[in-house]
Amino acid sequence: MGLFRRKQETLNERLLREAGLDPAGEPGEAPDPDPDPSAESEDPPFDFDPPPPVPTRRHLRTGTDEWDAVVTVRSTTLQGNQIEFTALPDGDIIVDAEKGDGDLAPLADAVEQKIDPPYKASATRHEELWAVGAKRIQVAKVELAAGDAIELTANGGAREVRVNGELSDAEVPELVQLGEQAGADYCVEAERIDGDVWEVRVSPL
């Protein structure tokens, strides 16, 4: 698993670029017109199956096998045949599976023409085209040093926490707050994405 950060263009850089100036404020070449954003995500001229559903090896499922967005992207720089990644609200991309260290920004940018992060995505290669399926997820920050999976249940006033399947006395107030939004009885499942960022799923009981 790795972390990929897309380069962020500052407001000043964008204004200079749109005005045809270089960063020093001198006249430069006028920027090329923005390409049609749909150009990279058009359906390919052949039958192209969407990528497989969210991998079942993860503890937490996203509820259904249906994608919220499916796009196709042309790229000659990405390696391998399968890429899995998670896009966070701050723009960071957590790479779950990738061969090499190619720039995933084109894949994420194409997905984000249709849905906003956070989401998890799976991309499958067909020659120079990649089919990318993305599923919206909910994320939360949870300060828990140990474990990668949490299950919190509240039923009839009794509360139980399991970490990696084992009963635990860990305090997870962030998950309690999320669960109580669903009602008095609830189940919250959480899986660590990276650091203190977790994917969560809340279900009323």
N, C-alpha and C. Protein backbone atom coordinates (compact mmCIF):
# COMPACT_ATOMS: atom_id res chain seq x y z
N MET A 1 0.85 -1.19 0.00
CA MET A 1 0.00 0.00 0.00
C MET A 1 0.89 1.24 0.00
N GLY A 2 0.56 2.22 -0.82
CA GLY A 2 1.36 3.43 -0.88
C GLY A 2 0.49 4.65 -0.97
N LEU A 3 1.13 5.81 -0.80
CA LEU A 3 0.43 7.09 -0.84
C LEU A 3 0.87 7.85 -2.07
N PHE A 4 -0.09 8.37 -2.83
CA PHE A 4 0.18 9.18 -4.01
C PHE A 4 -0.54 10.51 -3.85
N ARG A 5 0.19 11.61 -4.02
CA ARG A 5 -0.41 12.94 -3.92
C ARG A 5 -0.37 13.61 -5.28
N ARG A 6 -1.54 14.09 -5.71
CA ARG A 6 -1.60 14.85 -6.95
C ARG A 6 -1.05 16.25 -6.72
N LYS A 7 -0.31 16.77 -7.71
CA LYS A 7 0.23 18.13 -7.60
C LYS A 7 -0.92 19.12 -7.58
N GLN A 8 -0.91 20.00 -6.59
CA GLN A 8 -1.97 21.00 -6.46
C GLN A 8 -1.50 22.33 -7.06
N GLU A 9 -2.24 22.88 -7.99
CA GLU A 9 -1.93 24.17 -8.60
C GLU A 9 -2.49 25.28 -7.72
N THR A 10 -1.64 26.24 -7.34
CA THR A 10 -2.12 27.34 -6.51
C THR A 10 -3.01 28.27 -7.33
N LEU A 11 -3.81 29.07 -6.61
CA LEU A 11 -4.69 30.03 -7.28
C LEU A 11 -3.88 31.01 -8.12
N ASN A 12 -2.73 31.48 -7.58
CA ASN A 12 -1.91 32.44 -8.32
C ASN A 12 -1.37 31.81 -9.60
N GLU A 13 -0.92 30.53 -9.50
CA GLU A 13 -0.40 29.85 -10.69
C GLU A 13 -1.49 29.69 -11.74
N ARG A 14 -2.71 29.37 -11.30
CA ARG A 14 -3.79 29.18 -12.26
C ARG A 14 -4.14 30.49 -12.95
N LEU A 15 -4.19 31.60 -12.17
CA LEU A 15 -4.52 32.90 -12.77
C LEU A 15 -3.46 33.33 -13.77
N LEU A 16 -2.17 33.10 -13.42
CA LEU A 16 -1.09 33.44 -14.34
C LEU A 16 -1.18 32.60 -15.61
N ARG A 17 -1.47 31.28 -15.43
CA ARG A 17 -1.56 30.41 -16.60
C ARG A 17 -2.70 30.83 -17.51
N GLU A 18 -3.86 31.15 -16.92
CA GLU A 18 -5.00 31.53 -17.73
C GLU A 18 -4.79 32.87 -18.42
N ALA A 19 -3.91 33.71 -17.85
CA ALA A 19 -3.62 35.01 -18.46
C ALA A 19 -2.50 34.91 -19.49
N GLY A 20 -1.92 33.72 -19.66
CA GLY A 20 -0.84 33.54 -20.62
C GLY A 20 0.49 34.03 -20.12
N LEU A 21 0.69 34.06 -18.79
CA LEU A 21 1.95 34.51 -18.19
C LEU A 21 2.65 33.34 -17.55
N ASP A 22 4.01 33.43 -17.50
CA ASP A 22 4.74 32.40 -16.78
C ASP A 22 4.74 32.77 -15.30
N PRO A 23 5.21 31.87 -14.40
CA PRO A 23 5.17 32.17 -12.97
C PRO A 23 5.88 33.45 -12.57
N ALA A 24 6.84 33.95 -13.39
CA ALA A 24 7.52 35.19 -13.06
C ALA A 24 6.71 36.41 -13.47
N GLY A 25 5.57 36.21 -14.11
CA GLY A 25 4.72 37.32 -14.50
C GLY A 25 5.00 37.84 -15.88
N GLU A 26 5.90 37.17 -16.66
CA GLU A 26 6.24 37.60 -18.00
C GLU A 26 5.28 36.95 -18.99
N PRO A 27 5.01 37.64 -20.11
CA PRO A 27 4.13 37.03 -21.11
C PRO A 27 4.71 35.71 -21.60
N GLY A 28 3.86 34.76 -21.76
CA GLY A 28 4.27 33.46 -22.27
C GLY A 28 3.32 33.00 -23.34
N GLU A 29 3.48 31.76 -23.71
CA GLU A 29 2.60 31.22 -24.72
C GLU A 29 1.21 31.05 -24.15
N ALA A 30 0.23 31.38 -24.96
CA ALA A 30 -1.15 31.23 -24.49
C ALA A 30 -1.43 29.76 -24.25
N PRO A 31 -2.15 29.45 -23.20
CA PRO A 31 -2.43 28.05 -22.91
C PRO A 31 -3.32 27.45 -23.97
N ASP A 32 -3.11 26.17 -24.20
CA ASP A 32 -3.98 25.47 -25.13
C ASP A 32 -5.39 25.43 -24.58
N PRO A 33 -6.37 25.47 -25.45
CA PRO A 33 -7.74 25.36 -24.96
C PRO A 33 -7.91 24.08 -24.16
N ASP A 34 -8.73 24.16 -23.12
CA ASP A 34 -8.97 22.98 -22.30
C ASP A 34 -9.57 21.89 -23.18
N PRO A 35 -9.01 20.69 -23.09
CA PRO A 35 -9.57 19.60 -23.90
C PRO A 35 -10.94 19.22 -23.40
N ASP A 36 -11.67 18.61 -24.27
CA ASP A 36 -13.00 18.13 -23.90
C ASP A 36 -12.84 17.11 -22.79
N PRO A 37 -13.38 17.39 -21.58
CA PRO A 37 -13.17 16.46 -20.46
C PRO A 37 -13.74 15.09 -20.71
N SER A 38 -14.64 14.97 -21.66
CA SER A 38 -15.22 13.66 -21.92
C SER A 38 -14.37 12.83 -22.87
N ALA A 39 -13.30 13.46 -23.43
CA ALA A 39 -12.53 12.77 -24.47
C ALA A 39 -11.89 11.51 -23.94
N GLU A 40 -11.37 11.57 -22.68
CA GLU A 40 -10.68 10.42 -22.15
C GLU A 40 -11.63 9.37 -21.61
N SER A 41 -12.89 9.73 -21.39
CA SER A 41 -13.79 8.79 -20.75
C SER A 41 -14.86 8.29 -21.71
N GLU A 42 -14.68 8.54 -23.02
CA GLU A 42 -15.64 8.03 -23.98
C GLU A 42 -15.56 6.52 -24.05
N ASP A 43 -16.68 5.90 -24.37
CA ASP A 43 -16.68 4.46 -24.50
C ASP A 43 -15.74 4.05 -25.63
N PRO A 44 -14.96 3.01 -25.46
CA PRO A 44 -14.04 2.58 -26.50
C PRO A 44 -14.79 1.98 -27.67
N PRO A 45 -14.15 1.89 -28.83
CA PRO A 45 -14.83 1.40 -30.03
C PRO A 45 -14.87 -0.12 -30.10
N PHE A 46 -14.96 -0.78 -28.94
CA PHE A 46 -15.08 -2.24 -28.93
C PHE A 46 -15.75 -2.63 -27.63
N ASP A 47 -16.23 -3.86 -27.57
CA ASP A 47 -16.86 -4.33 -26.35
C ASP A 47 -15.82 -4.35 -25.24
N PHE A 48 -16.16 -3.72 -24.12
CA PHE A 48 -15.19 -3.56 -23.05
C PHE A 48 -15.89 -3.74 -21.72
N ASP A 49 -15.66 -4.85 -21.07
CA ASP A 49 -16.33 -5.12 -19.81
C ASP A 49 -15.80 -4.18 -18.73
N PRO A 50 -16.67 -3.71 -17.83
CA PRO A 50 -16.20 -2.90 -16.71
C PRO A 50 -15.34 -3.74 -15.78
N PRO A 51 -14.57 -3.11 -14.93
CA PRO A 51 -13.70 -3.85 -14.02
C PRO A 51 -14.53 -4.69 -13.05
N PRO A 52 -13.91 -5.69 -12.43
CA PRO A 52 -14.64 -6.54 -11.50
C PRO A 52 -15.08 -5.73 -10.27
N PRO A 53 -16.02 -6.27 -9.49
CA PRO A 53 -16.49 -5.56 -8.30
C PRO A 53 -15.37 -5.33 -7.30
N VAL A 54 -15.67 -4.54 -6.27
CA VAL A 54 -14.70 -4.28 -5.21
C VAL A 54 -14.18 -5.61 -4.67
N PRO A 55 -12.85 -5.77 -4.56
CA PRO A 55 -12.29 -7.06 -4.18
C PRO A 55 -12.86 -7.57 -2.86
N THR A 56 -13.16 -8.88 -2.81
CA THR A 56 -13.74 -9.45 -1.60
C THR A 56 -12.68 -9.74 -0.54
N ARG A 57 -11.41 -9.60 -0.86
CA ARG A 57 -10.39 -9.86 0.14
C ARG A 57 -10.42 -8.82 1.25
N ARG A 58 -11.01 -7.65 0.99
CA ARG A 58 -11.10 -6.63 2.03
C ARG A 58 -12.18 -7.03 3.02
N HIS A 59 -11.99 -6.68 4.29
CA HIS A 59 -12.95 -7.02 5.33
C HIS A 59 -14.28 -6.31 5.11
N LEU A 60 -14.21 -5.10 4.60
CA LEU A 60 -15.41 -4.27 4.52
C LEU A 60 -15.90 -4.21 3.09
N ARG A 61 -17.16 -4.56 2.85
CA ARG A 61 -17.75 -4.44 1.54
C ARG A 61 -18.49 -3.12 1.43
N THR A 62 -18.74 -2.67 0.24
CA THR A 62 -19.41 -1.39 0.05
C THR A 62 -20.90 -1.53 -0.16
N GLY A 63 -21.46 -2.71 0.12
CA GLY A 63 -22.90 -2.84 0.11
C GLY A 63 -23.44 -3.54 -1.13
N THR A 64 -22.97 -3.17 -2.31
CA THR A 64 -23.43 -3.80 -3.54
C THR A 64 -22.24 -3.98 -4.47
N ASP A 65 -22.47 -4.72 -5.54
CA ASP A 65 -21.42 -4.90 -6.54
C ASP A 65 -21.55 -3.89 -7.67
N GLU A 66 -22.45 -2.94 -7.53
CA GLU A 66 -22.65 -1.94 -8.57
C GLU A 66 -21.70 -0.76 -8.36
N TRP A 67 -21.11 -0.28 -9.45
CA TRP A 67 -20.25 0.90 -9.37
C TRP A 67 -21.10 2.17 -9.41
N ASP A 68 -20.61 3.22 -8.77
CA ASP A 68 -21.25 4.53 -8.87
C ASP A 68 -20.77 5.28 -10.11
N ALA A 69 -19.61 4.89 -10.63
CA ALA A 69 -19.08 5.51 -11.84
C ALA A 69 -18.18 4.52 -12.55
N VAL A 70 -18.29 4.46 -13.87
CA VAL A 70 -17.39 3.65 -14.70
C VAL A 70 -16.91 4.53 -15.85
N VAL A 71 -15.60 4.66 -16.00
CA VAL A 71 -15.02 5.48 -17.06
C VAL A 71 -13.91 4.69 -17.74
N THR A 72 -13.51 5.15 -18.92
CA THR A 72 -12.35 4.59 -19.59
C THR A 72 -11.33 5.69 -19.82
N VAL A 73 -10.07 5.34 -19.63
CA VAL A 73 -8.98 6.31 -19.72
C VAL A 73 -7.86 5.70 -20.55
N ARG A 74 -7.30 6.49 -21.46
CA ARG A 74 -6.16 6.02 -22.26
C ARG A 74 -4.87 6.40 -21.56
N SER A 75 -4.00 5.43 -21.35
CA SER A 75 -2.71 5.69 -20.71
C SER A 75 -1.69 4.68 -21.20
N THR A 76 -0.51 5.16 -21.57
CA THR A 76 0.59 4.29 -21.99
C THR A 76 1.68 4.22 -20.93
N THR A 77 1.50 4.91 -19.81
CA THR A 77 2.55 4.97 -18.79
C THR A 77 2.29 4.04 -17.61
N LEU A 78 1.04 3.64 -17.40
CA LEU A 78 0.73 2.76 -16.28
C LEU A 78 1.11 1.33 -16.62
N GLN A 79 1.62 0.62 -15.63
CA GLN A 79 2.09 -0.74 -15.83
C GLN A 79 1.07 -1.74 -15.27
N GLY A 80 1.27 -3.00 -15.62
CA GLY A 80 0.43 -4.06 -15.09
C GLY A 80 -0.93 -4.08 -15.76
N ASN A 81 -1.83 -4.89 -15.22
CA ASN A 81 -3.16 -5.06 -15.78
C ASN A 81 -4.28 -4.72 -14.80
N GLN A 82 -3.94 -4.50 -13.54
CA GLN A 82 -4.95 -4.22 -12.53
C GLN A 82 -4.40 -3.22 -11.52
N ILE A 83 -5.21 -2.22 -11.20
CA ILE A 83 -4.84 -1.23 -10.21
C ILE A 83 -6.02 -1.02 -9.27
N GLU A 84 -5.75 -0.96 -7.98
CA GLU A 84 -6.78 -0.66 -6.98
C GLU A 84 -6.30 0.53 -6.15
N PHE A 85 -7.18 1.49 -5.95
CA PHE A 85 -6.79 2.65 -5.14
C PHE A 85 -8.00 3.25 -4.45
N THR A 86 -7.73 4.04 -3.42
CA THR A 86 -8.77 4.75 -2.67
C THR A 86 -8.45 6.23 -2.70
N ALA A 87 -9.42 7.05 -3.08
CA ALA A 87 -9.25 8.50 -3.12
C ALA A 87 -9.89 9.11 -1.88
N LEU A 88 -9.13 9.93 -1.17
CA LEU A 88 -9.59 10.55 0.06
C LEU A 88 -10.12 11.96 -0.21
N PRO A 89 -10.89 12.52 0.73
CA PRO A 89 -11.46 13.86 0.50
C PRO A 89 -10.43 14.95 0.29
N ASP A 90 -9.22 14.80 0.88
CA ASP A 90 -8.20 15.84 0.74
C ASP A 90 -7.42 15.74 -0.57
N GLY A 91 -7.79 14.79 -1.45
CA GLY A 91 -7.10 14.65 -2.72
C GLY A 91 -6.03 13.59 -2.75
N ASP A 92 -5.62 13.07 -1.57
CA ASP A 92 -4.62 12.00 -1.54
C ASP A 92 -5.21 10.73 -2.12
N ILE A 93 -4.34 9.92 -2.73
CA ILE A 93 -4.73 8.63 -3.27
C ILE A 93 -3.92 7.55 -2.56
N ILE A 94 -4.62 6.61 -1.94
CA ILE A 94 -3.97 5.48 -1.30
C ILE A 94 -3.98 4.32 -2.28
N VAL A 95 -2.80 3.86 -2.64
CA VAL A 95 -2.67 2.80 -3.65
C VAL A 95 -2.70 1.45 -2.94
N ASP A 96 -3.71 0.65 -3.25
CA ASP A 96 -3.83 -0.68 -2.65
C ASP A 96 -3.08 -1.71 -3.47
N ALA A 97 -3.12 -1.59 -4.79
CA ALA A 97 -2.43 -2.56 -5.66
C ALA A 97 -2.07 -1.87 -6.97
N GLU A 98 -0.79 -1.90 -7.30
CA GLU A 98 -0.32 -1.31 -8.56
C GLU A 98 1.04 -1.90 -8.88
N LYS A 99 1.30 -2.15 -10.15
CA LYS A 99 2.62 -2.57 -10.59
C LYS A 99 3.36 -1.33 -11.04
N GLY A 100 4.50 -1.04 -10.42
CA GLY A 100 5.24 0.18 -10.73
C GLY A 100 4.73 1.34 -9.90
N ASP A 101 5.11 2.53 -10.32
CA ASP A 101 4.72 3.73 -9.58
C ASP A 101 4.22 4.80 -10.54
N GLY A 102 3.33 4.41 -11.45
CA GLY A 102 2.81 5.35 -12.43
C GLY A 102 1.90 6.40 -11.81
N ASP A 103 1.69 7.47 -12.55
CA ASP A 103 0.83 8.58 -12.11
C ASP A 103 -0.63 8.17 -12.25
N LEU A 104 -1.33 8.05 -11.13
CA LEU A 104 -2.73 7.64 -11.14
C LEU A 104 -3.69 8.82 -11.30
N ALA A 105 -3.16 10.04 -11.38
CA ALA A 105 -4.02 11.22 -11.47
C ALA A 105 -4.99 11.15 -12.66
N PRO A 106 -4.57 10.69 -13.85
CA PRO A 106 -5.53 10.62 -14.96
C PRO A 106 -6.73 9.73 -14.65
N LEU A 107 -6.50 8.63 -13.95
CA LEU A 107 -7.62 7.75 -13.60
C LEU A 107 -8.55 8.44 -12.61
N ALA A 108 -7.95 9.04 -11.57
CA ALA A 108 -8.77 9.70 -10.56
C ALA A 108 -9.49 10.91 -11.14
N ASP A 109 -8.82 11.67 -11.99
CA ASP A 109 -9.46 12.86 -12.58
C ASP A 109 -10.66 12.47 -13.42
N ALA A 110 -10.55 11.37 -14.16
CA ALA A 110 -11.67 10.92 -15.00
C ALA A 110 -12.85 10.49 -14.13
N VAL A 111 -12.55 9.75 -13.05
CA VAL A 111 -13.63 9.34 -12.14
C VAL A 111 -14.31 10.55 -11.53
N GLU A 112 -13.52 11.57 -11.16
CA GLU A 112 -14.07 12.71 -10.44
C GLU A 112 -14.82 13.69 -11.34
N GLN A 113 -14.89 13.38 -12.64
CA GLN A 113 -15.84 14.10 -13.48
C GLN A 113 -17.26 13.62 -13.20
N LYS A 114 -17.38 12.45 -12.54
CA LYS A 114 -18.70 11.87 -12.29
C LYS A 114 -19.05 11.82 -10.81
N ILE A 115 -18.09 11.52 -9.94
CA ILE A 115 -18.36 11.48 -8.51
C ILE A 115 -17.21 12.15 -7.77
N ASP A 116 -17.50 12.63 -6.58
CA ASP A 116 -16.48 13.26 -5.74
C ASP A 116 -15.91 12.23 -4.78
N PRO A 117 -14.65 12.43 -4.35
CA PRO A 117 -14.10 11.57 -3.31
C PRO A 117 -14.80 11.84 -1.98
N PRO A 118 -14.78 10.86 -1.08
CA PRO A 118 -13.97 9.65 -1.09
C PRO A 118 -14.64 8.51 -1.85
N TYR A 119 -13.81 7.67 -2.45
CA TYR A 119 -14.30 6.49 -3.15
C TYR A 119 -13.15 5.49 -3.26
N LYS A 120 -13.51 4.23 -3.53
CA LYS A 120 -12.49 3.23 -3.85
C LYS A 120 -12.70 2.84 -5.30
N ALA A 121 -11.62 2.50 -5.96
CA ALA A 121 -11.69 2.24 -7.40
C ALA A 121 -10.84 1.04 -7.78
N SER A 122 -11.27 0.39 -8.85
CA SER A 122 -10.53 -0.72 -9.44
C SER A 122 -10.42 -0.46 -10.93
N ALA A 123 -9.21 -0.58 -11.47
CA ALA A 123 -8.97 -0.31 -12.88
C ALA A 123 -8.40 -1.55 -13.56
N THR A 124 -8.90 -1.85 -14.76
CA THR A 124 -8.45 -3.01 -15.53
C THR A 124 -7.99 -2.55 -16.91
N ARG A 125 -6.82 -3.06 -17.33
CA ARG A 125 -6.25 -2.65 -18.61
C ARG A 125 -6.82 -3.46 -19.77
N HIS A 126 -7.00 -2.77 -20.90
CA HIS A 126 -7.22 -3.43 -22.19
C HIS A 126 -6.38 -2.67 -23.20
N GLU A 127 -5.17 -3.19 -23.46
CA GLU A 127 -4.19 -2.52 -24.30
C GLU A 127 -3.87 -1.14 -23.71
N GLU A 128 -4.15 -0.04 -24.46
CA GLU A 128 -3.81 1.28 -23.93
C GLU A 128 -4.97 1.91 -23.15
N LEU A 129 -6.09 1.22 -23.06
CA LEU A 129 -7.24 1.75 -22.35
C LEU A 129 -7.40 1.06 -21.00
N TRP A 130 -7.84 1.86 -20.02
CA TRP A 130 -8.15 1.35 -18.69
C TRP A 130 -9.62 1.59 -18.40
N ALA A 131 -10.32 0.54 -17.97
CA ALA A 131 -11.68 0.69 -17.47
C ALA A 131 -11.60 0.86 -15.96
N VAL A 132 -12.21 1.92 -15.45
CA VAL A 132 -12.12 2.22 -14.02
C VAL A 132 -13.53 2.23 -13.44
N GLY A 133 -13.74 1.41 -12.43
CA GLY A 133 -15.00 1.42 -11.70
C GLY A 133 -14.76 2.01 -10.32
N ALA A 134 -15.64 2.90 -9.87
CA ALA A 134 -15.46 3.56 -8.58
C ALA A 134 -16.74 3.47 -7.76
N LYS A 135 -16.58 3.28 -6.46
CA LYS A 135 -17.70 3.16 -5.54
C LYS A 135 -17.52 4.16 -4.40
N ARG A 136 -18.53 4.99 -4.17
CA ARG A 136 -18.47 5.95 -3.06
C ARG A 136 -18.34 5.20 -1.73
N ILE A 137 -17.57 5.78 -0.82
CA ILE A 137 -17.43 5.22 0.52
C ILE A 137 -17.55 6.35 1.54
N GLN A 138 -17.71 5.99 2.79
CA GLN A 138 -17.70 6.95 3.89
C GLN A 138 -16.42 6.75 4.66
N VAL A 139 -15.76 7.83 5.04
CA VAL A 139 -14.52 7.73 5.80
C VAL A 139 -14.64 8.54 7.08
N ALA A 140 -13.83 8.16 8.06
CA ALA A 140 -13.79 8.88 9.33
C ALA A 140 -12.39 8.76 9.90
N LYS A 141 -12.03 9.73 10.73
CA LYS A 141 -10.75 9.66 11.43
C LYS A 141 -10.97 9.02 12.80
N VAL A 142 -10.23 7.97 13.06
CA VAL A 142 -10.34 7.23 14.32
C VAL A 142 -8.94 7.05 14.87
N GLU A 143 -8.72 7.50 16.10
CA GLU A 143 -7.41 7.38 16.73
C GLU A 143 -7.32 6.04 17.46
N LEU A 144 -6.80 5.05 16.76
CA LEU A 144 -6.62 3.72 17.34
C LEU A 144 -5.30 3.17 16.83
N ALA A 145 -4.37 2.92 17.75
CA ALA A 145 -3.02 2.54 17.35
C ALA A 145 -2.97 1.14 16.75
N ALA A 146 -3.70 0.20 17.35
CA ALA A 146 -3.59 -1.20 16.92
C ALA A 146 -4.82 -1.62 16.14
N GLY A 147 -4.61 -2.62 15.27
CA GLY A 147 -5.74 -3.21 14.56
C GLY A 147 -6.03 -2.54 13.23
N ASP A 148 -6.65 -3.31 12.35
CA ASP A 148 -7.02 -2.80 11.03
C ASP A 148 -8.51 -2.92 10.76
N ALA A 149 -9.26 -3.58 11.65
CA ALA A 149 -10.70 -3.74 11.47
C ALA A 149 -11.38 -3.56 12.82
N ILE A 150 -12.45 -2.78 12.84
CA ILE A 150 -13.22 -2.54 14.06
C ILE A 150 -14.67 -2.85 13.78
N GLU A 151 -15.32 -3.49 14.75
CA GLU A 151 -16.77 -3.68 14.68
C GLU A 151 -17.36 -3.19 16.00
N LEU A 152 -18.21 -2.19 15.92
CA LEU A 152 -18.86 -1.61 17.09
C LEU A 152 -20.36 -1.88 16.98
N THR A 153 -20.94 -2.50 18.01
CA THR A 153 -22.38 -2.74 18.01
C THR A 153 -22.98 -2.19 19.29
N ALA A 154 -24.18 -1.63 19.17
CA ALA A 154 -24.96 -1.18 20.31
C ALA A 154 -26.35 -1.78 20.16
N ASN A 155 -26.77 -2.51 21.20
CA ASN A 155 -28.05 -3.21 21.13
C ASN A 155 -28.66 -3.27 22.52
N GLY A 156 -29.83 -2.65 22.68
CA GLY A 156 -30.50 -2.67 23.97
C GLY A 156 -29.73 -2.00 25.07
N GLY A 157 -28.95 -1.00 24.72
CA GLY A 157 -28.17 -0.27 25.72
C GLY A 157 -26.80 -0.86 25.98
N ALA A 158 -26.51 -2.06 25.47
CA ALA A 158 -25.20 -2.68 25.64
C ALA A 158 -24.34 -2.39 24.43
N ARG A 159 -23.08 -2.05 24.68
CA ARG A 159 -22.17 -1.70 23.60
C ARG A 159 -20.99 -2.66 23.60
N GLU A 160 -20.59 -3.11 22.41
CA GLU A 160 -19.49 -4.06 22.28
C GLU A 160 -18.56 -3.61 21.17
N VAL A 161 -17.26 -3.71 21.43
CA VAL A 161 -16.24 -3.35 20.44
C VAL A 161 -15.37 -4.57 20.16
N ARG A 162 -15.17 -4.86 18.90
CA ARG A 162 -14.23 -5.91 18.50
C ARG A 162 -13.18 -5.29 17.58
N VAL A 163 -11.93 -5.61 17.82
CA VAL A 163 -10.81 -5.15 16.99
C VAL A 163 -10.16 -6.39 16.38
N ASN A 164 -10.12 -6.43 15.08
CA ASN A 164 -9.61 -7.61 14.36
C ASN A 164 -10.34 -8.88 14.82
N GLY A 165 -11.64 -8.74 15.10
CA GLY A 165 -12.46 -9.90 15.47
C GLY A 165 -12.43 -10.26 16.93
N GLU A 166 -11.56 -9.62 17.73
CA GLU A 166 -11.43 -9.95 19.15
C GLU A 166 -12.09 -8.88 20.01
N LEU A 167 -12.77 -9.31 21.09
CA LEU A 167 -13.36 -8.35 22.02
C LEU A 167 -12.30 -7.40 22.54
N SER A 168 -12.67 -6.12 22.66
CA SER A 168 -11.69 -5.10 23.05
C SER A 168 -12.37 -4.07 23.94
N ASP A 169 -11.57 -3.47 24.83
CA ASP A 169 -12.07 -2.37 25.64
C ASP A 169 -11.66 -1.02 25.05
N ALA A 170 -11.27 -1.02 23.77
CA ALA A 170 -10.85 0.23 23.11
C ALA A 170 -12.00 1.22 23.07
N GLU A 171 -11.66 2.48 23.23
CA GLU A 171 -12.64 3.57 23.14
C GLU A 171 -12.62 4.11 21.71
N VAL A 172 -13.79 4.13 21.09
CA VAL A 172 -13.88 4.64 19.72
C VAL A 172 -15.04 5.64 19.64
N PRO A 173 -14.89 6.79 20.30
CA PRO A 173 -15.99 7.77 20.35
C PRO A 173 -16.42 8.26 18.97
N GLU A 174 -15.47 8.30 18.03
CA GLU A 174 -15.83 8.75 16.68
C GLU A 174 -16.85 7.82 16.04
N LEU A 175 -16.68 6.50 16.26
CA LEU A 175 -17.62 5.54 15.70
C LEU A 175 -18.93 5.53 16.46
N VAL A 176 -18.87 5.75 17.76
CA VAL A 176 -20.11 5.85 18.55
C VAL A 176 -20.97 6.99 18.04
N GLN A 177 -20.33 8.13 17.79
CA GLN A 177 -21.08 9.29 17.29
C GLN A 177 -21.73 8.98 15.95
N LEU A 178 -21.01 8.31 15.06
CA LEU A 178 -21.59 7.94 13.77
C LEU A 178 -22.74 6.96 13.94
N GLY A 179 -22.57 5.98 14.81
CA GLY A 179 -23.60 4.99 15.01
C GLY A 179 -24.88 5.58 15.58
N GLU A 180 -24.74 6.50 16.53
CA GLU A 180 -25.92 7.08 17.16
C GLU A 180 -26.75 7.91 16.19
N GLN A 181 -26.14 8.32 15.08
CA GLN A 181 -26.92 9.02 14.06
C GLN A 181 -27.89 8.09 13.36
N ALA A 182 -27.63 6.76 13.46
CA ALA A 182 -28.50 5.78 12.82
C ALA A 182 -29.61 5.30 13.76
N GLY A 183 -29.53 5.63 15.05
CA GLY A 183 -30.53 5.20 16.01
C GLY A 183 -29.89 4.65 17.27
N ALA A 184 -30.74 4.14 18.18
CA ALA A 184 -30.24 3.64 19.45
C ALA A 184 -29.48 2.33 19.28
N ASP A 185 -29.92 1.48 18.36
CA ASP A 185 -29.26 0.20 18.10
C ASP A 185 -28.61 0.25 16.72
N TYR A 186 -27.34 -0.08 16.65
CA TYR A 186 -26.62 0.07 15.39
C TYR A 186 -25.39 -0.82 15.36
N CYS A 187 -24.83 -0.93 14.15
CA CYS A 187 -23.54 -1.60 13.96
C CYS A 187 -22.67 -0.71 13.08
N VAL A 188 -21.46 -0.49 13.50
CA VAL A 188 -20.50 0.29 12.71
C VAL A 188 -19.30 -0.61 12.42
N GLU A 189 -19.01 -0.80 11.15
CA GLU A 189 -17.82 -1.54 10.73
C GLU A 189 -16.81 -0.53 10.19
N ALA A 190 -15.56 -0.72 10.54
CA ALA A 190 -14.51 0.20 10.08
C ALA A 190 -13.28 -0.59 9.67
N GLU A 191 -12.66 -0.16 8.59
CA GLU A 191 -11.42 -0.77 8.13
C GLU A 191 -10.41 0.33 7.87
N ARG A 192 -9.21 0.15 8.41
CA ARG A 192 -8.18 1.17 8.27
C ARG A 192 -7.76 1.32 6.81
N ILE A 193 -7.77 2.57 6.34
CA ILE A 193 -7.26 2.86 4.99
C ILE A 193 -5.79 3.21 5.07
N ASP A 194 -5.48 4.20 5.91
CA ASP A 194 -4.09 4.62 6.09
C ASP A 194 -4.03 5.52 7.32
N GLY A 195 -3.11 5.22 8.23
CA GLY A 195 -2.98 6.05 9.43
C GLY A 195 -4.26 6.06 10.26
N ASP A 196 -4.76 7.25 10.55
CA ASP A 196 -5.99 7.36 11.34
C ASP A 196 -7.23 7.56 10.47
N VAL A 197 -7.11 7.28 9.16
CA VAL A 197 -8.24 7.39 8.24
C VAL A 197 -8.81 5.99 8.01
N TRP A 198 -10.12 5.85 8.27
CA TRP A 198 -10.79 4.56 8.18
C TRP A 198 -11.98 4.65 7.24
N GLU A 199 -12.24 3.56 6.53
CA GLU A 199 -13.48 3.42 5.79
C GLU A 199 -14.53 2.87 6.75
N VAL A 200 -15.72 3.46 6.77
CA VAL A 200 -16.73 3.04 7.73
C VAL A 200 -18.04 2.74 7.01
N ARG A 201 -18.82 1.86 7.64
CA ARG A 201 -20.15 1.53 7.17
C ARG A 201 -21.06 1.43 8.38
N VAL A 202 -22.13 2.20 8.38
CA VAL A 202 -23.04 2.27 9.53
C VAL A 202 -24.37 1.64 9.14
N SER A 203 -24.85 0.73 10.00
CA SER A 203 -26.13 0.07 9.72
C SER A 203 -26.99 0.06 10.99
N PRO A 204 -28.26 0.45 10.89
CA PRO A 204 -29.15 0.34 12.06
C PRO A 204 -29.49 -1.12 12.30
N LEU A 205 -29.75 -1.49 13.56
CA LEU A 205 -30.14 -2.85 13.89
C LEU A 205 -31.64 -2.93 14.13
